[in-house]
PDB file of N, CA and C in Angstrom:
ATOM      1  N   MET A   1      10.298  14.627 -52.927  1.00  0.00           N
ATOM      2  CA  MET A   1      11.295  15.423 -52.247  1.00  0.00           C
ATOM      3  C   MET A   1      11.380  14.960 -50.804  1.00  0.00           C
ATOM      4  N   ARG A   2      12.584  14.738 -50.337  1.00  0.00           N
ATOM      5  CA  ARG A   2      12.755  14.312 -48.958  1.00  0.00           C
ATOM      6  C   ARG A   2      12.596  15.511 -48.018  1.00  0.00           C
ATOM      7  N   GLU A   3      12.299  15.207 -46.745  1.00  0.00           N
ATOM      8  CA  GLU A   3      12.056  16.276 -45.759  1.00  0.00           C
ATOM      9  C   GLU A   3      13.277  17.153 -45.559  1.00  0.00           C
ATOM     10  N   SER A   4      14.475  16.596 -45.583  1.00  0.00           N
ATOM     11  CA  SER A   4      15.694  17.366 -45.364  1.00  0.00           C
ATOM     12  C   SER A   4      15.985  18.309 -46.516  1.00  0.00           C
ATOM     13  N   GLU A   5      15.374  18.041 -47.685  1.00  0.00           N
ATOM     14  CA  GLU A   5      15.614  18.881 -48.848  1.00  0.00           C
ATOM     15  C   GLU A   5      14.579  19.970 -49.014  1.00  0.00           C
ATOM     16  N   THR A   6      13.586  20.071 -48.130  1.00  0.00           N
ATOM     17  CA  THR A   6      12.572  21.113 -48.278  1.00  0.00           C
ATOM     18  C   THR A   6      13.186  22.464 -48.014  1.00  0.00           C
ATOM     19  N   LYS A   7      12.732  23.425 -48.759  1.00  0.00           N
ATOM     20  CA  LYS A   7      13.266  24.770 -48.621  1.00  0.00           C
ATOM     21  C   LYS A   7      12.326  25.592 -47.757  1.00  0.00           C
ATOM     22  N   THR A   8      12.925  26.468 -46.957  1.00  0.00           N
ATOM     23  CA  THR A   8      12.148  27.362 -46.115  1.00  0.00           C
ATOM     24  C   THR A   8      12.207  28.746 -46.736  1.00  0.00           C
ATOM     25  N   ASP A   9      11.050  29.345 -46.903  1.00  0.00           N
ATOM     26  CA  ASP A   9      11.068  30.696 -47.469  1.00  0.00           C
ATOM     27  C   ASP A   9      11.468  31.711 -46.403  1.00  0.00           C
ATOM     28  N   ARG A  10      11.839  32.860 -46.845  1.00  0.00           N
ATOM     29  CA  ARG A  10      12.367  33.890 -45.950  1.00  0.00           C
ATOM     30  C   ARG A  10      11.349  34.310 -44.889  1.00  0.00           C
ATOM     31  N   ARG A  11      10.102  34.441 -45.266  1.00  0.00           N
ATOM     32  CA  ARG A  11       9.057  34.871 -44.328  1.00  0.00           C
ATOM     33  C   ARG A  11       8.893  33.868 -43.189  1.00  0.00           C
ATOM     34  N   THR A  12       8.894  32.602 -43.476  1.00  0.00           N
ATOM     35  CA  THR A  12       8.762  31.558 -42.456  1.00  0.00           C
ATOM     36  C   THR A  12       9.982  31.556 -41.537  1.00  0.00           C
ATOM     37  N   PHE A  13      11.158  31.696 -42.137  1.00  0.00           N
ATOM     38  CA  PHE A  13      12.384  31.725 -41.353  1.00  0.00           C
ATOM     39  C   PHE A  13      12.396  32.910 -40.383  1.00  0.00           C
ATOM     40  N   LEU A  14      12.049  34.098 -40.863  1.00  0.00           N
ATOM     41  CA  LEU A  14      12.048  35.300 -40.014  1.00  0.00           C
ATOM     42  C   LEU A  14      11.008  35.201 -38.907  1.00  0.00           C
ATOM     43  N   ALA A  15       9.849  34.670 -39.218  1.00  0.00           N
ATOM     44  CA  ALA A  15       8.808  34.529 -38.190  1.00  0.00           C
ATOM     45  C   ALA A  15       9.272  33.571 -37.091  1.00  0.00           C
ATOM     46  N   GLY A  16       9.872  32.457 -37.481  1.00  0.00           N
ATOM     47  CA  GLY A  16      10.378  31.507 -36.487  1.00  0.00           C
ATOM     48  C   GLY A  16      11.509  32.091 -35.664  1.00  0.00           C
ATOM     49  N   SER A  17      12.414  32.825 -36.311  1.00  0.00           N
ATOM     50  CA  SER A  17      13.536  33.456 -35.604  1.00  0.00           C
ATOM     51  C   SER A  17      13.049  34.501 -34.618  1.00  0.00           C
ATOM     52  N   ALA A  18      12.079  35.293 -35.028  1.00  0.00           N
ATOM     53  CA  ALA A  18      11.541  36.328 -34.147  1.00  0.00           C
ATOM     54  C   ALA A  18      10.907  35.706 -32.908  1.00  0.00           C
ATOM     55  N   ALA A  19      10.228  34.589 -33.070  1.00  0.00           N
ATOM     56  CA  ALA A  19       9.608  33.924 -31.922  1.00  0.00           C
ATOM     57  C   ALA A  19      10.662  33.428 -30.942  1.00  0.00           C
ATOM     58  N   VAL A  20      11.752  32.867 -31.466  1.00  0.00           N
ATOM     59  CA  VAL A  20      12.819  32.363 -30.599  1.00  0.00           C
ATOM     60  C   VAL A  20      13.509  33.521 -29.884  1.00  0.00           C
ATOM     61  N   ILE A  21      13.818  34.578 -30.604  1.00  0.00           N
ATOM     62  CA  ILE A  21      14.478  35.748 -29.998  1.00  0.00           C
ATOM     63  C   ILE A  21      13.574  36.397 -28.964  1.00  0.00           C
ATOM     64  N   GLY A  22      12.300  36.537 -29.290  1.00  0.00           N
ATOM     65  CA  GLY A  22      11.349  37.133 -28.348  1.00  0.00           C
ATOM     66  C   GLY A  22      11.240  36.340 -27.066  1.00  0.00           C
ATOM     67  N   ALA A  23      11.258  35.029 -27.173  1.00  0.00           N
ATOM     68  CA  ALA A  23      11.177  34.184 -25.980  1.00  0.00           C
ATOM     69  C   ALA A  23      12.409  34.345 -25.107  1.00  0.00           C
ATOM     70  N   ALA A  24      13.551  34.629 -25.719  1.00  0.00           N
ATOM     71  CA  ALA A  24      14.781  34.811 -24.947  1.00  0.00           C
ATOM     72  C   ALA A  24      14.848  36.188 -24.300  1.00  0.00           C
ATOM     73  N   VAL A  25      14.247  37.190 -24.906  1.00  0.00           N
ATOM     74  CA  VAL A  25      14.338  38.573 -24.420  1.00  0.00           C
ATOM     75  C   VAL A  25      13.310  38.876 -23.335  1.00  0.00           C
ATOM     76  N   ILE A  26      12.134  38.335 -23.430  1.00  0.00           N
ATOM     77  CA  ILE A  26      11.052  38.677 -22.495  1.00  0.00           C
ATOM     78  C   ILE A  26      11.404  38.416 -21.032  1.00  0.00           C
ATOM     79  N   PRO A  27      12.012  37.289 -20.645  1.00  0.00           N
ATOM     80  CA  PRO A  27      12.356  37.111 -19.222  1.00  0.00           C
ATOM     81  C   PRO A  27      13.306  38.187 -18.709  1.00  0.00           C
ATOM     82  N   ASN A  28      14.256  38.629 -19.528  1.00  0.00           N
ATOM     83  CA  ASN A  28      15.166  39.688 -19.106  1.00  0.00           C
ATOM     84  C   ASN A  28      14.432  41.007 -18.923  1.00  0.00           C
ATOM     85  N   ALA A  29      13.531  41.336 -19.814  1.00  0.00           N
ATOM     86  CA  ALA A  29      12.787  42.586 -19.715  1.00  0.00           C
ATOM     87  C   ALA A  29      11.916  42.602 -18.460  1.00  0.00           C
ATOM     88  N   VAL A  30      11.317  41.479 -18.137  1.00  0.00           N
ATOM     89  CA  VAL A  30      10.480  41.392 -16.942  1.00  0.00           C
ATOM     90  C   VAL A  30      11.335  41.567 -15.686  1.00  0.00           C
ATOM     91  N   SER A  31      12.530  40.977 -15.661  1.00  0.00           N
ATOM     92  CA  SER A  31      13.372  41.091 -14.470  1.00  0.00           C
ATOM     93  C   SER A  31      13.849  42.522 -14.267  1.00  0.00           C
ATOM     94  N   TYR A  32      14.080  43.278 -15.341  1.00  0.00           N
ATOM     95  CA  TYR A  32      14.488  44.675 -15.201  1.00  0.00           C
ATOM     96  C   TYR A  32      13.378  45.523 -14.578  1.00  0.00           C
ATOM     97  N   ALA A  33      12.152  45.158 -14.777  1.00  0.00           N
ATOM     98  CA  ALA A  33      11.038  45.915 -14.208  1.00  0.00           C
ATOM     99  C   ALA A  33      11.014  45.811 -12.687  1.00  0.00           C
ATOM    100  N   ARG A  34      11.629  44.771 -12.127  1.00  0.00           N
ATOM    101  CA  ARG A  34      11.632  44.593 -10.676  1.00  0.00           C
ATOM    102  C   ARG A  34      12.767  45.325  -9.981  1.00  0.00           C
ATOM    103  N   ILE A  35      13.707  45.882 -10.722  1.00  0.00           N
ATOM    104  CA  ILE A  35      14.843  46.572 -10.125  1.00  0.00           C
ATOM    105  C   ILE A  35      14.398  47.956  -9.670  1.00  0.00           C
ATOM    106  N   LEU A  36      14.640  48.248  -8.401  1.00  0.00           N
ATOM    107  CA  LEU A  36      14.274  49.543  -7.861  1.00  0.00           C
ATOM    108  C   LEU A  36      15.395  50.543  -8.124  1.00  0.00           C
ATOM    109  N   GLY A  37      15.036  51.703  -8.579  1.00  0.00           N
ATOM    110  CA  GLY A  37      16.025  52.736  -8.847  1.00  0.00           C
ATOM    111  C   GLY A  37      16.181  53.670  -7.668  1.00  0.00           C
ATOM    112  N   ALA A  38      17.069  54.628  -7.832  1.00  0.00           N
ATOM    113  CA  ALA A  38      17.329  55.595  -6.762  1.00  0.00           C
ATOM    114  C   ALA A  38      16.081  56.410  -6.435  1.00  0.00           C
ATOM    115  N   ASN A  39      15.230  56.660  -7.408  1.00  0.00           N
ATOM    116  CA  ASN A  39      14.019  57.440  -7.147  1.00  0.00           C
ATOM    117  C   ASN A  39      12.976  56.650  -6.370  1.00  0.00           C
ATOM    118  N   ASP A  40      13.150  55.353  -6.287  1.00  0.00           N
ATOM    119  CA  ASP A  40      12.213  54.514  -5.539  1.00  0.00           C
ATOM    120  C   ASP A  40      12.629  54.336  -4.085  1.00  0.00           C
ATOM    121  N   ARG A  41      13.818  54.790  -3.716  1.00  0.00           N
ATOM    122  CA  ARG A  41      14.346  54.612  -2.364  1.00  0.00           C
ATOM    123  C   ARG A  41      14.002  55.829  -1.510  1.00  0.00           C
ATOM    124  N   ILE A  42      13.659  55.566  -0.263  1.00  0.00           N
ATOM    125  CA  ILE A  42      13.432  56.647   0.700  1.00  0.00           C
ATOM    126  C   ILE A  42      14.751  56.895   1.406  1.00  0.00           C
ATOM    127  N   SER A  43      15.268  58.083   1.258  1.00  0.00           N
ATOM    128  CA  SER A  43      16.553  58.455   1.838  1.00  0.00           C
ATOM    129  C   SER A  43      16.299  59.399   3.010  1.00  0.00           C
ATOM    130  N   LEU A  44      16.779  59.017   4.193  1.00  0.00           N
ATOM    131  CA  LEU A  44      16.506  59.797   5.400  1.00  0.00           C
ATOM    132  C   LEU A  44      17.770  60.442   5.955  1.00  0.00           C
ATOM    133  N   ALA A  45      17.595  61.612   6.554  1.00  0.00           N
ATOM    134  CA  ALA A  45      18.650  62.265   7.330  1.00  0.00           C
ATOM    135  C   ALA A  45      18.158  62.303   8.765  1.00  0.00           C
ATOM    136  N   HIS A  46      18.967  61.795   9.677  1.00  0.00           N
ATOM    137  CA  HIS A  46      18.586  61.747  11.084  1.00  0.00           C
ATOM    138  C   HIS A  46      19.257  62.910  11.808  1.00  0.00           C
ATOM    139  N   ILE A  47      18.451  63.772  12.378  1.00  0.00           N
ATOM    140  CA  ILE A  47      18.946  64.974  13.044  1.00  0.00           C
ATOM    141  C   ILE A  47      18.697  64.848  14.540  1.00  0.00           C
ATOM    142  N   GLY A  48      19.775  64.961  15.326  1.00  0.00           N
ATOM    143  CA  GLY A  48      19.670  64.835  16.776  1.00  0.00           C
ATOM    144  C   GLY A  48      19.672  63.384  17.199  1.00  0.00           C
ATOM    145  N   ILE A  49      20.841  62.833  17.429  1.00  0.00           N
ATOM    146  CA  ILE A  49      20.975  61.408  17.661  1.00  0.00           C
ATOM    147  C   ILE A  49      21.355  61.148  19.112  1.00  0.00           C
ATOM    148  N   GLY A  50      20.361  61.120  19.964  1.00  0.00           N
ATOM    149  CA  GLY A  50      20.611  60.777  21.363  1.00  0.00           C
ATOM    150  C   GLY A  50      20.286  59.316  21.595  1.00  0.00           C
ATOM    151  N   ASN A  51      19.937  58.972  22.825  1.00  0.00           N
ATOM    152  CA  ASN A  51      19.584  57.584  23.133  1.00  0.00           C
ATOM    153  C   ASN A  51      18.348  57.127  22.364  1.00  0.00           C
ATOM    154  N   ARG A  52      17.350  57.992  22.270  1.00  0.00           N
ATOM    155  CA  ARG A  52      16.156  57.641  21.504  1.00  0.00           C
ATOM    156  C   ARG A  52      16.476  57.539  20.020  1.00  0.00           C
ATOM    157  N   GLY A  53      17.412  58.336  19.606  1.00  0.00           N
ATOM    158  CA  GLY A  53      17.815  58.306  18.199  1.00  0.00           C
ATOM    159  C   GLY A  53      18.428  56.983  17.788  1.00  0.00           C
ATOM    160  N   GLN A  54      19.189  56.377  18.676  1.00  0.00           N
ATOM    161  CA  GLN A  54      19.769  55.065  18.379  1.00  0.00           C
ATOM    162  C   GLN A  54      18.664  54.046  18.120  1.00  0.00           C
ATOM    163  N   GLU A  55      17.646  54.099  18.940  1.00  0.00           N
ATOM    164  CA  GLU A  55      16.531  53.176  18.777  1.00  0.00           C
ATOM    165  C   GLU A  55      15.809  53.433  17.460  1.00  0.00           C
ATOM    166  N   LEU A  56      15.631  54.684  17.113  1.00  0.00           N
ATOM    167  CA  LEU A  56      14.974  55.025  15.854  1.00  0.00           C
ATOM    168  C   LEU A  56      15.794  54.515  14.659  1.00  0.00           C
ATOM    169  N   ASP A  57      17.119  54.652  14.725  1.00  0.00           N
ATOM    170  CA  ASP A  57      17.978  54.123  13.662  1.00  0.00           C
ATOM    171  C   ASP A  57      17.763  52.632  13.484  1.00  0.00           C
ATOM    172  N   TRP A  58      17.675  51.909  14.596  1.00  0.00           N
ATOM    173  CA  TRP A  58      17.460  50.466  14.543  1.00  0.00           C
ATOM    174  C   TRP A  58      16.101  50.135  13.935  1.00  0.00           C
ATOM    175  N   ILE A  59      15.065  50.880  14.327  1.00  0.00           N
ATOM    176  CA  ILE A  59      13.711  50.644  13.802  1.00  0.00           C
ATOM    177  C   ILE A  59      13.679  50.873  12.292  1.00  0.00           C
ATOM    178  N   ILE A  60      14.288  51.960  11.837  1.00  0.00           N
ATOM    179  CA  ILE A  60      14.326  52.253  10.402  1.00  0.00           C
ATOM    180  C   ILE A  60      15.081  51.144   9.661  1.00  0.00           C
ATOM    181  N   ALA A  61      16.161  50.671  10.226  1.00  0.00           N
ATOM    182  CA  ALA A  61      16.962  49.624   9.578  1.00  0.00           C
ATOM    183  C   ALA A  61      16.164  48.331   9.413  1.00  0.00           C
ATOM    184  N   GLN A  62      15.204  48.079  10.278  1.00  0.00           N
ATOM    185  CA  GLN A  62      14.382  46.876  10.158  1.00  0.00           C
ATOM    186  C   GLN A  62      13.495  46.925   8.919  1.00  0.00           C
ATOM    187  N   HIS A  63      13.285  48.106   8.366  1.00  0.00           N
ATOM    188  CA  HIS A  63      12.415  48.272   7.196  1.00  0.00           C
ATOM    189  C   HIS A  63      13.199  48.567   5.921  1.00  0.00           C
ATOM    190  N   LYS A  64      14.511  48.369   5.956  1.00  0.00           N
ATOM    191  CA  LYS A  64      15.333  48.732   4.802  1.00  0.00           C
ATOM    192  C   LYS A  64      14.967  47.952   3.545  1.00  0.00           C
ATOM    193  N   ILE A  65      14.532  46.731   3.674  1.00  0.00           N
ATOM    194  CA  ILE A  65      14.219  45.932   2.492  1.00  0.00           C
ATOM    195  C   ILE A  65      12.752  46.077   2.086  1.00  0.00           C
ATOM    196  N   ASP A  66      11.834  45.882   3.026  1.00  0.00           N
ATOM    197  CA  ASP A  66      10.421  45.904   2.643  1.00  0.00           C
ATOM    198  C   ASP A  66       9.910  47.298   2.292  1.00  0.00           C
ATOM    199  N   LYS A  67      10.503  48.349   2.829  1.00  0.00           N
ATOM    200  CA  LYS A  67      10.080  49.720   2.507  1.00  0.00           C
ATOM    201  C   LYS A  67      11.110  50.461   1.662  1.00  0.00           C
ATOM    202  N   ASN A  68      12.252  49.807   1.372  1.00  0.00           N
ATOM    203  CA  ASN A  68      13.337  50.401   0.588  1.00  0.00           C
ATOM    204  C   ASN A  68      13.745  51.768   1.139  1.00  0.00           C
ATOM    205  N   VAL A  69      14.129  51.772   2.397  1.00  0.00           N
ATOM    206  CA  VAL A  69      14.495  52.990   3.108  1.00  0.00           C
ATOM    207  C   VAL A  69      15.944  52.880   3.577  1.00  0.00           C
ATOM    208  N   GLU A  70      16.630  54.015   3.623  1.00  0.00           N
ATOM    209  CA  GLU A  70      18.023  54.031   4.066  1.00  0.00           C
ATOM    210  C   GLU A  70      18.342  55.351   4.757  1.00  0.00           C
ATOM    211  N   MET A  71      19.111  55.261   5.831  1.00  0.00           N
ATOM    212  CA  MET A  71      19.598  56.449   6.540  1.00  0.00           C
ATOM    213  C   MET A  71      20.873  56.889   5.817  1.00  0.00           C
ATOM    214  N   THR A  72      20.803  57.979   5.076  1.00  0.00           N
ATOM    215  CA  THR A  72      21.947  58.407   4.269  1.00  0.00           C
ATOM    216  C   THR A  72      22.705  59.574   4.877  1.00  0.00           C
ATOM    217  N   ALA A  73      22.157  60.181   5.931  1.00  0.00           N
ATOM    218  CA  ALA A  73      22.857  61.284   6.592  1.00  0.00           C
ATOM    219  C   ALA A  73      22.486  61.305   8.067  1.00  0.00           C
ATOM    220  N   VAL A  74      23.464  61.671   8.891  1.00  0.00           N
ATOM    221  CA  VAL A  74      23.223  61.853  10.324  1.00  0.00           C
ATOM    222  C   VAL A  74      23.758  63.220  10.721  1.00  0.00           C
ATOM    223  N   CYS A  75      23.101  63.824  11.701  1.00  0.00           N
ATOM    224  CA  CYS A  75      23.471  65.177  12.106  1.00  0.00           C
ATOM    225  C   CYS A  75      23.317  65.319  13.617  1.00  0.00           C
ATOM    226  N   ASP A  76      24.377  65.778  14.258  1.00  0.00           N
ATOM    227  CA  ASP A  76      24.324  66.065  15.689  1.00  0.00           C
ATOM    228  C   ASP A  76      25.476  67.004  16.034  1.00  0.00           C
ATOM    229  N   LEU A  77      25.247  67.872  17.016  1.00  0.00           N
ATOM    230  CA  LEU A  77      26.299  68.797  17.437  1.00  0.00           C
ATOM    231  C   LEU A  77      27.455  68.069  18.109  1.00  0.00           C
ATOM    232  N   TRP A  78      27.169  66.985  18.796  1.00  0.00           N
ATOM    233  CA  TRP A  78      28.203  66.250  19.519  1.00  0.00           C
ATOM    234  C   TRP A  78      28.842  65.232  18.592  1.00  0.00           C
ATOM    235  N   ASN A  79      30.164  65.362  18.445  1.00  0.00           N
ATOM    236  CA  ASN A  79      30.849  64.448  17.521  1.00  0.00           C
ATOM    237  C   ASN A  79      30.818  62.996  18.003  1.00  0.00           C
ATOM    238  N   MET A  80      30.744  62.778  19.307  1.00  0.00           N
ATOM    239  CA  MET A  80      30.657  61.425  19.830  1.00  0.00           C
ATOM    240  C   MET A  80      29.380  60.738  19.338  1.00  0.00           C
ATOM    241  N   ARG A  81      28.273  61.466  19.382  1.00  0.00           N
ATOM    242  CA  ARG A  81      27.003  60.908  18.897  1.00  0.00           C
ATOM    243  C   ARG A  81      27.022  60.715  17.386  1.00  0.00           C
ATOM    244  N   ARG A  82      27.589  61.670  16.667  1.00  0.00           N
ATOM    245  CA  ARG A  82      27.696  61.557  15.205  1.00  0.00           C
ATOM    246  C   ARG A  82      28.486  60.314  14.819  1.00  0.00           C
ATOM    247  N   ASP A  83      29.643  60.162  15.454  1.00  0.00           N
ATOM    248  CA  ASP A  83      30.503  59.020  15.127  1.00  0.00           C
ATOM    249  C   ASP A  83      29.822  57.690  15.441  1.00  0.00           C
ATOM    250  N   ARG A  84      29.116  57.644  16.550  1.00  0.00           N
ATOM    251  CA  ARG A  84      28.399  56.419  16.925  1.00  0.00           C
ATOM    252  C   ARG A  84      27.289  56.111  15.907  1.00  0.00           C
ATOM    253  N   ALA A  85      26.593  57.149  15.467  1.00  0.00           N
ATOM    254  CA  ALA A  85      25.516  56.960  14.490  1.00  0.00           C
ATOM    255  C   ALA A  85      26.059  56.499  13.139  1.00  0.00           C
ATOM    256  N   VAL A  86      27.188  57.045  12.732  1.00  0.00           N
ATOM    257  CA  VAL A  86      27.812  56.607  11.479  1.00  0.00           C
ATOM    258  C   VAL A  86      28.188  55.133  11.575  1.00  0.00           C
ATOM    259  N   LYS A  87      28.778  54.753  12.686  1.00  0.00           N
ATOM    260  CA  LYS A  87      29.206  53.362  12.885  1.00  0.00           C
ATOM    261  C   LYS A  87      28.011  52.404  12.863  1.00  0.00           C
ATOM    262  N   GLU A  88      26.962  52.751  13.587  1.00  0.00           N
ATOM    263  CA  GLU A  88      25.783  51.886  13.659  1.00  0.00           C
ATOM    264  C   GLU A  88      25.085  51.771  12.308  1.00  0.00           C
ATOM    265  N   ASN A  89      24.904  52.894  11.624  1.00  0.00           N
ATOM    266  CA  ASN A  89      24.210  52.862  10.332  1.00  0.00           C
ATOM    267  C   ASN A  89      25.050  52.166   9.261  1.00  0.00           C
ATOM    268  N   THR A  90      26.354  52.237   9.371  1.00  0.00           N
ATOM    269  CA  THR A  90      27.221  51.503   8.453  1.00  0.00           C
ATOM    270  C   THR A  90      27.006  50.007   8.634  1.00  0.00           C
ATOM    271  N   LYS A  91      26.841  49.595   9.873  1.00  0.00           N
ATOM    272  CA  LYS A  91      26.573  48.184  10.167  1.00  0.00           C
ATOM    273  C   LYS A  91      25.222  47.765   9.570  1.00  0.00           C
ATOM    274  N   TYR A  92      24.219  48.631   9.649  1.00  0.00           N
ATOM    275  CA  TYR A  92      22.890  48.298   9.156  1.00  0.00           C
ATOM    276  C   TYR A  92      22.820  48.239   7.630  1.00  0.00           C
ATOM    277  N   TYR A  93      23.475  49.193   6.952  1.00  0.00           N
ATOM    278  CA  TYR A  93      23.285  49.347   5.509  1.00  0.00           C
ATOM    279  C   TYR A  93      24.494  48.968   4.659  1.00  0.00           C
ATOM    280  N   GLY A  94      25.623  48.719   5.289  1.00  0.00           N
ATOM    281  CA  GLY A  94      26.798  48.341   4.526  1.00  0.00           C
ATOM    282  C   GLY A  94      27.566  49.506   3.937  1.00  0.00           C
ATOM    283  N   ARG A  95      27.131  50.707   4.196  1.00  0.00           N
ATOM    284  CA  ARG A  95      27.872  51.901   3.772  1.00  0.00           C
ATOM    285  C   ARG A  95      27.582  53.030   4.750  1.00  0.00           C
ATOM    286  N   ALA A  96      28.552  53.917   4.873  1.00  0.00           N
ATOM    287  CA  ALA A  96      28.460  54.970   5.884  1.00  0.00           C
ATOM    288  C   ALA A  96      27.570  56.123   5.408  1.00  0.00           C
ATOM    289  N   PRO A  97      26.711  56.622   6.307  1.00  0.00           N
ATOM    290  CA  PRO A  97      25.956  57.822   5.962  1.00  0.00           C
ATOM    291  C   PRO A  97      26.869  59.048   6.063  1.00  0.00           C
ATOM    292  N   ARG A  98      26.486  60.111   5.408  1.00  0.00           N
ATOM    293  CA  ARG A  98      27.243  61.356   5.533  1.00  0.00           C
ATOM    294  C   ARG A  98      26.986  61.938   6.918  1.00  0.00           C
ATOM    295  N   ALA A  99      28.005  62.510   7.512  1.00  0.00           N
ATOM    296  CA  ALA A  99      27.889  63.058   8.876  1.00  0.00           C
ATOM    297  C   ALA A  99      27.972  64.581   8.819  1.00  0.00           C
ATOM    298  N   PHE A 100      27.048  65.237   9.507  1.00  0.00           N
ATOM    299  CA  PHE A 100      26.996  66.695   9.560  1.00  0.00           C
ATOM    300  C   PHE A 100      26.903  67.170  11.002  1.00  0.00           C
ATOM    301  N   GLU A 101      27.529  68.303  11.270  1.00  0.00           N
ATOM    302  CA  GLU A 101      27.450  68.883  12.601  1.00  0.00           C
ATOM    303  C   GLU A 101      26.234  69.803  12.724  1.00  0.00           C
ATOM    304  N   TYR A 102      25.933  70.538  11.673  1.00  0.00           N
ATOM    305  CA  TYR A 102      24.842  71.506  11.706  1.00  0.00           C
ATOM    306  C   TYR A 102      23.763  71.156  10.682  1.00  0.00           C
ATOM    307  N   LEU A 103      22.528  71.404  11.049  1.00  0.00           N
ATOM    308  CA  LEU A 103      21.382  71.133  10.200  1.00  0.00           C
ATOM    309  C   LEU A 103      21.512  71.823   8.836  1.00  0.00           C
ATOM    310  N   GLU A 104      22.002  73.027   8.828  1.00  0.00           N
ATOM    311  CA  GLU A 104      22.083  73.793   7.573  1.00  0.00           C
ATOM    312  C   GLU A 104      23.036  73.150   6.557  1.00  0.00           C
ATOM    313  N   GLU A 105      23.968  72.349   7.019  1.00  0.00           N
ATOM    314  CA  GLU A 105      24.914  71.709   6.115  1.00  0.00           C
ATOM    315  C   GLU A 105      24.282  70.597   5.307  1.00  0.00           C
ATOM    316  N   ILE A 106      23.204  70.039   5.781  1.00  0.00           N
ATOM    317  CA  ILE A 106      22.569  68.892   5.109  1.00  0.00           C
ATOM    318  C   ILE A 106      22.052  69.292   3.743  1.00  0.00           C
ATOM    319  N   ASP A 107      21.374  70.388   3.645  1.00  0.00           N
ATOM    320  CA  ASP A 107      20.793  70.775   2.353  1.00  0.00           C
ATOM    321  C   ASP A 107      21.726  71.666   1.530  1.00  0.00           C
ATOM    322  N   GLY A 108      22.950  71.878   2.002  1.00  0.00           N
ATOM    323  CA  GLY A 108      23.934  72.609   1.212  1.00  0.00           C
ATOM    324  C   GLY A 108      23.902  74.115   1.379  1.00  0.00           C
ATOM    325  N   ARG A 109      23.046  74.634   2.241  1.00  0.00           N
ATOM    326  CA  ARG A 109      22.982  76.089   2.428  1.00  0.00           C
ATOM    327  C   ARG A 109      24.157  76.608   3.252  1.00  0.00           C
ATOM    328  N   GLY A 110      24.802  75.703   3.975  1.00  0.00           N
ATOM    329  CA  GLY A 110      25.934  76.128   4.819  1.00  0.00           C
ATOM    330  C   GLY A 110      25.460  76.828   6.075  1.00  0.00           C
ATOM    331  N   ARG A 111      26.403  77.196   6.879  1.00  0.00           N
ATOM    332  CA  ARG A 111      26.096  77.843   8.150  1.00  0.00           C
ATOM    333  C   ARG A 111      26.313  79.307   8.084  1.00  0.00           C
TER     334      ARG A 111
END
């Protein structure tokens, strides 16, 4: 019998197929384990954004990748400071944080 005419039984075929499929799936499964979810991110609300607050925003932004942290809300009574903080944090993170005038609005209790 020539080599090209040999028959492969079902068990051998399935075992070989499973090995090939497994080799293709494992790299994808490993890469999914490295994806950080929303529960892995530290989400901060910055309350009271004066001159020192601007510096704090910058310091936090320096750790956005290695600590997976993001400023997602800013709060200040003065709209000028709020608007400036939204603009700066948008530059740091690529999306605007939510802006609040009063502390009570952040957690949804209202004023």
